Amino acid sequence: MSRLNLLAGLLCLGGVAVLGILYGQASITGGLGQTVFAGGLALAGCLFLLAATERTTALAGRRVDLQDCSGLGDIAVGVAVFGGFATAPAGVEGVAYIVLVGIGGLSAVLFGLVGLAEKYDAL
């Protein structure tokens, strides 16, 4: 059992639960940005928990390493961060916000993609 993936999964799912408890249902389903953020975090949490099992399974006759779900979880976190684009403030603060959200989301997506590519010698 991978403790790091277990922790990441529990933190992602816990973050969605805390959002719902502290700020109500509207913080999760109040609009496109909130839904993308909460859904992306929930998906990432599930993927990290799958990766924590460190098992191998067969899917359509092919061997699938569930540890790869960790890289997919990184990509899902990046997608969740991109949900922040929907709530950008106006003005100069909005531009800075969009740049920071873009960098954060892109770095998470690239981290997952590069990790998977290195594993399968695709770089």
C-alpha atoms as a PDB file:
ATOM      1  CA  MET A   1       0.000   0.000   0.000  1.00  0.00           C
ATOM      2  CA  SER A   2       1.430   3.332  -1.071  1.00  0.00           C
ATOM      3  CA  ARG A   3       1.045   5.747   1.841  1.00  0.00           C
ATOM      4  CA  LEU A   4       1.658   8.827  -0.283  1.00  0.00           C
ATOM      5  CA  ASN A   5      -1.111   7.971  -2.756  1.00  0.00           C
ATOM      6  CA  LEU A   6      -3.405   7.023   0.128  1.00  0.00           C
ATOM      7  CA  LEU A   7      -2.774  10.398   1.759  1.00  0.00           C
ATOM      8  CA  ALA A   8      -3.295  12.267  -1.531  1.00  0.00           C
ATOM      9  CA  GLY A   9      -6.570  10.439  -2.150  1.00  0.00           C
ATOM     10  CA  LEU A  10      -7.909  11.099   1.319  1.00  0.00           C
ATOM     11  CA  LEU A  11      -6.904  14.776   1.164  1.00  0.00           C
ATOM     12  CA  CYS A  12      -8.610  15.278  -2.212  1.00  0.00           C
ATOM     13  CA  LEU A  13     -11.837  13.610  -1.084  1.00  0.00           C
ATOM     14  CA  GLY A  14     -11.624  15.366   2.279  1.00  0.00           C
ATOM     15  CA  GLY A  15     -11.241  18.705   0.517  1.00  0.00           C
ATOM     16  CA  VAL A  16     -14.474  18.164  -1.390  1.00  0.00           C
ATOM     17  CA  ALA A  17     -16.253  17.139   1.828  1.00  0.00           C
ATOM     18  CA  VAL A  18     -14.956  20.188   3.705  1.00  0.00           C
ATOM     19  CA  LEU A  19     -16.078  22.483   0.882  1.00  0.00           C
ATOM     20  CA  GLY A  20     -19.583  21.037   1.095  1.00  0.00           C
ATOM     21  CA  ILE A  21     -19.724  21.189   4.885  1.00  0.00           C
ATOM     22  CA  LEU A  22     -18.297  24.684   5.354  1.00  0.00           C
ATOM     23  CA  TYR A  23     -19.770  26.460   2.348  1.00  0.00           C
ATOM     24  CA  GLY A  24     -22.812  24.380   1.458  1.00  0.00           C
ATOM     25  CA  GLN A  25     -23.870  22.596  -1.688  1.00  0.00           C
ATOM     26  CA  ALA A  26     -23.496  25.733  -3.818  1.00  0.00           C
ATOM     27  CA  SER A  27     -19.707  25.588  -3.322  1.00  0.00           C
ATOM     28  CA  ILE A  28     -19.714  22.276  -5.203  1.00  0.00           C
ATOM     29  CA  THR A  29     -22.519  22.648  -7.735  1.00  0.00           C
ATOM     30  CA  GLY A  30     -22.990  26.428  -7.905  1.00  0.00           C
ATOM     31  CA  GLY A  31     -21.626  26.831 -11.406  1.00  0.00           C
ATOM     32  CA  LEU A  32     -19.337  25.360 -14.009  1.00  0.00           C
ATOM     33  CA  GLY A  33     -16.119  26.363 -12.227  1.00  0.00           C
ATOM     34  CA  GLN A  34     -17.205  24.967  -8.868  1.00  0.00           C
ATOM     35  CA  THR A  35     -18.442  21.741 -10.432  1.00  0.00           C
ATOM     36  CA  VAL A  36     -15.221  21.238 -12.418  1.00  0.00           C
ATOM     37  CA  PHE A  37     -13.158  21.920  -9.298  1.00  0.00           C
ATOM     38  CA  ALA A  38     -15.112  19.604  -6.985  1.00  0.00           C
ATOM     39  CA  GLY A  39     -15.518  16.909  -9.636  1.00  0.00           C
ATOM     40  CA  GLY A  40     -11.841  17.025 -10.562  1.00  0.00           C
ATOM     41  CA  LEU A  41     -10.789  16.725  -6.935  1.00  0.00           C
ATOM     42  CA  ALA A  42     -13.207  13.850  -6.332  1.00  0.00           C
ATOM     43  CA  LEU A  43     -11.944  12.045  -9.444  1.00  0.00           C
ATOM     44  CA  ALA A  44      -8.324  12.644  -8.423  1.00  0.00           C
ATOM     45  CA  GLY A  45      -9.051  11.316  -4.932  1.00  0.00           C
ATOM     46  CA  CYS A  46     -10.521   8.110  -6.333  1.00  0.00           C
ATOM     47  CA  LEU A  47      -7.604   7.677  -8.744  1.00  0.00           C
ATOM     48  CA  PHE A  48      -5.043   8.194  -5.970  1.00  0.00           C
ATOM     49  CA  LEU A  49      -6.843   5.623  -3.797  1.00  0.00           C
ATOM     50  CA  LEU A  50      -6.763   3.138  -6.678  1.00  0.00           C
ATOM     51  CA  ALA A  51      -3.046   3.803  -7.140  1.00  0.00           C
ATOM     52  CA  ALA A  52      -2.471   3.238  -3.417  1.00  0.00           C
ATOM     53  CA  THR A  53      -3.453  -0.424  -3.818  1.00  0.00           C
ATOM     54  CA  GLU A  54      -0.378  -1.020  -6.039  1.00  0.00           C
ATOM     55  CA  ARG A  55      -2.185  -3.862  -7.777  1.00  0.00           C
ATOM     56  CA  THR A  56      -2.187  -5.067 -11.333  1.00  0.00           C
ATOM     57  CA  THR A  57      -5.363  -6.073 -13.111  1.00  0.00           C
ATOM     58  CA  ALA A  58      -6.446  -7.119 -16.577  1.00  0.00           C
ATOM     59  CA  LEU A  59      -8.647  -4.927 -18.717  1.00  0.00           C
ATOM     60  CA  ALA A  60      -9.735  -6.105 -22.163  1.00  0.00           C
ATOM     61  CA  GLY A  61      -6.998  -8.710 -22.097  1.00  0.00           C
ATOM     62  CA  ARG A  62      -4.215  -6.208 -21.317  1.00  0.00           C
ATOM     63  CA  ARG A  63      -2.254  -5.938 -18.105  1.00  0.00           C
ATOM     64  CA  VAL A  64      -3.023  -2.665 -16.331  1.00  0.00           C
ATOM     65  CA  ASP A  65      -0.880  -1.373 -13.488  1.00  0.00           C
ATOM     66  CA  LEU A  66      -3.119   0.560 -11.076  1.00  0.00           C
ATOM     67  CA  GLN A  67      -0.061   2.558  -9.984  1.00  0.00           C
ATOM     68  CA  ASP A  68      -0.586   4.509 -13.241  1.00  0.00           C
ATOM     69  CA  CYS A  69      -3.695   5.995 -11.641  1.00  0.00           C
ATOM     70  CA  SER A  70      -1.325   8.230  -9.672  1.00  0.00           C
ATOM     71  CA  GLY A  71      -0.299  10.041 -12.862  1.00  0.00           C
ATOM     72  CA  LEU A  72      -3.917  10.217 -13.953  1.00  0.00           C
ATOM     73  CA  GLY A  73      -4.743  11.684 -10.528  1.00  0.00           C
ATOM     74  CA  ASP A  74      -2.161  14.420 -11.099  1.00  0.00           C
ATOM     75  CA  ILE A  75      -3.845  15.237 -14.394  1.00  0.00           C
ATOM     76  CA  ALA A  76      -7.270  15.315 -12.690  1.00  0.00           C
ATOM     77  CA  VAL A  77      -5.918  17.765 -10.084  1.00  0.00           C
ATOM     78  CA  GLY A  78      -4.725  19.995 -12.928  1.00  0.00           C
ATOM     79  CA  VAL A  79      -8.168  19.865 -14.524  1.00  0.00           C
ATOM     80  CA  ALA A  80      -9.713  20.740 -11.145  1.00  0.00           C
ATOM     81  CA  VAL A  81      -7.429  23.754 -10.842  1.00  0.00           C
ATOM     82  CA  PHE A  82      -8.511  24.906 -14.311  1.00  0.00           C
ATOM     83  CA  GLY A  83     -12.047  25.119 -12.888  1.00  0.00           C
ATOM     84  CA  GLY A  84     -10.830  28.276 -11.165  1.00  0.00           C
ATOM     85  CA  PHE A  85     -10.896  30.115 -14.490  1.00  0.00           C
ATOM     86  CA  ALA A  86     -14.660  30.467 -14.176  1.00  0.00           C
ATOM     87  CA  THR A  87     -14.423  32.639 -11.041  1.00  0.00           C
ATOM     88  CA  ALA A  88     -11.667  35.071 -12.019  1.00  0.00           C
ATOM     89  CA  PRO A  89     -11.971  38.597 -10.623  1.00  0.00           C
ATOM     90  CA  ALA A  90     -11.913  41.627 -12.889  1.00  0.00           C
ATOM     91  CA  GLY A  91      -9.026  43.972 -13.605  1.00  0.00           C
ATOM     92  CA  VAL A  92      -5.338  43.512 -12.920  1.00  0.00           C
ATOM     93  CA  GLU A  93      -6.104  41.068 -10.114  1.00  0.00           C
ATOM     94  CA  GLY A  94      -8.023  38.947 -12.607  1.00  0.00           C
ATOM     95  CA  VAL A  95      -5.092  38.795 -14.993  1.00  0.00           C
ATOM     96  CA  ALA A  96      -2.714  37.768 -12.205  1.00  0.00           C
ATOM     97  CA  TYR A  97      -5.268  35.221 -10.970  1.00  0.00           C
ATOM     98  CA  ILE A  98      -5.669  33.678 -14.440  1.00  0.00           C
ATOM     99  CA  VAL A  99      -1.895  33.489 -14.937  1.00  0.00           C
ATOM    100  CA  LEU A 100      -1.385  31.787 -11.564  1.00  0.00           C
ATOM    101  CA  VAL A 101      -4.299  29.368 -12.044  1.00  0.00           C
ATOM    102  CA  GLY A 102      -3.035  28.564 -15.533  1.00  0.00           C
ATOM    103  CA  ILE A 103       0.491  27.880 -14.314  1.00  0.00           C
ATOM    104  CA  GLY A 104      -0.775  25.761 -11.415  1.00  0.00           C
ATOM    105  CA  GLY A 105      -3.131  23.678 -13.531  1.00  0.00           C
ATOM    106  CA  LEU A 106      -0.658  23.256 -16.352  1.00  0.00           C
ATOM    107  CA  SER A 107       2.128  22.180 -14.005  1.00  0.00           C
ATOM    108  CA  ALA A 108      -0.076  19.490 -12.432  1.00  0.00           C
ATOM    109  CA  VAL A 109      -1.157  18.175 -15.836  1.00  0.00           C
ATOM    110  CA  LEU A 110       2.411  18.157 -17.157  1.00  0.00           C
ATOM    111  CA  PHE A 111       3.673  16.473 -13.978  1.00  0.00           C
ATOM    112  CA  GLY A 112       1.241  13.615 -14.554  1.00  0.00           C
ATOM    113  CA  LEU A 113       1.920  13.355 -18.271  1.00  0.00           C
ATOM    114  CA  VAL A 114       5.700  13.401 -17.897  1.00  0.00           C
ATOM    115  CA  GLY A 115       5.557  10.817 -15.107  1.00  0.00           C
ATOM    116  CA  LEU A 116       3.519   8.439 -17.263  1.00  0.00           C
ATOM    117  CA  ALA A 117       5.669   9.110 -20.327  1.00  0.00           C
ATOM    118  CA  GLU A 118       8.872   8.358 -18.403  1.00  0.00           C
ATOM    119  CA  LYS A 119       7.430   5.104 -17.092  1.00  0.00           C
ATOM    120  CA  TYR A 120       6.592   3.899 -20.576  1.00  0.00           C
ATOM    121  CA  ASP A 121       9.764   5.305 -22.222  1.00  0.00           C
ATOM    122  CA  ALA A 122       7.743   7.653 -24.407  1.00  0.00           C
ATOM    123  CA  LEU A 123      10.062  10.639 -23.900  1.00  0.00           C
END
